[in-house]
Amino acid sequence: MADTRQRLIDGAIETIRTHGLTGTTARSIAATAGVNQALVFYHFGTVHDLLQAACLAATRARVEPFAERLDQVTDLRQLLALGRDLHAGERAQGNVMVLAQLLAGAQTDPALAHATAESLQLWITPIERALTRLLAGSPVSELVDTAGLARAVSAGFIGLELYEGVDPDGARAALDSLDRLAVLVEVVDDLGPVAHRALRAKLRRTSKKNR
């Protein structure tokens, strides 16, 4: 039974990838999975419930190895290099197409929106953990909400994945700009203690003015 459930989950993701969300039905999923259509309803109740389960299961499978690699990252440039590698892999496997379809469907489907948001949180959590570790002790950390930054990074990469489909050069330029920002943070971190104190004081004053 567990094998059949997994085949249906894999079949649902592959069907979205090849036919889009509107072409993903119990019949098309069953055909892709190579099982009887009735098993969709036996194991999941509805196609909708299967799509939610598939969204979470597929994301967990991709996040696990990514999270392990994240724990080995030692600076922001390595983090961005890992992000580029992930970005290339997701596009090559057709996962960007799946994500685009799920995000589009989630705009008008609250239940699917909940499952998609939960899936995105699976990416955000290890990214937030890595950012908290990498920015610890940096003057920049005093002004950065790492939880918010992790969401901004995740949203940014999702946007770049979709944007690359219409403007590959523009997407590469955006990623290059993030690399330069990472270098800037490294330069700030390499400043001496006197410069650090002056920078922290300046950042605090600027932060108070902007409140």
Foldseek 3Di string as FASTA:
>chain_A
DVVLLVLLLVLQLVCCLPPNPVRRALVSSCVSSVHDSVVCCVPQVGVVRSPLVSLQVVLVVVLVVLLVVLVVDQAVLVVLVSLVVVLVVCVVVSVLSSLVRLVVVCVPPVVSVVSNVVSLVSQLVSQLVSVCVRCPPQLVVVVDDSSVVSVVVSVVSSVLSVVCVPPVVVSVVVSVVSSVVRVVSVVRRPDDPVSSVVVSVVVVVVVVVVD
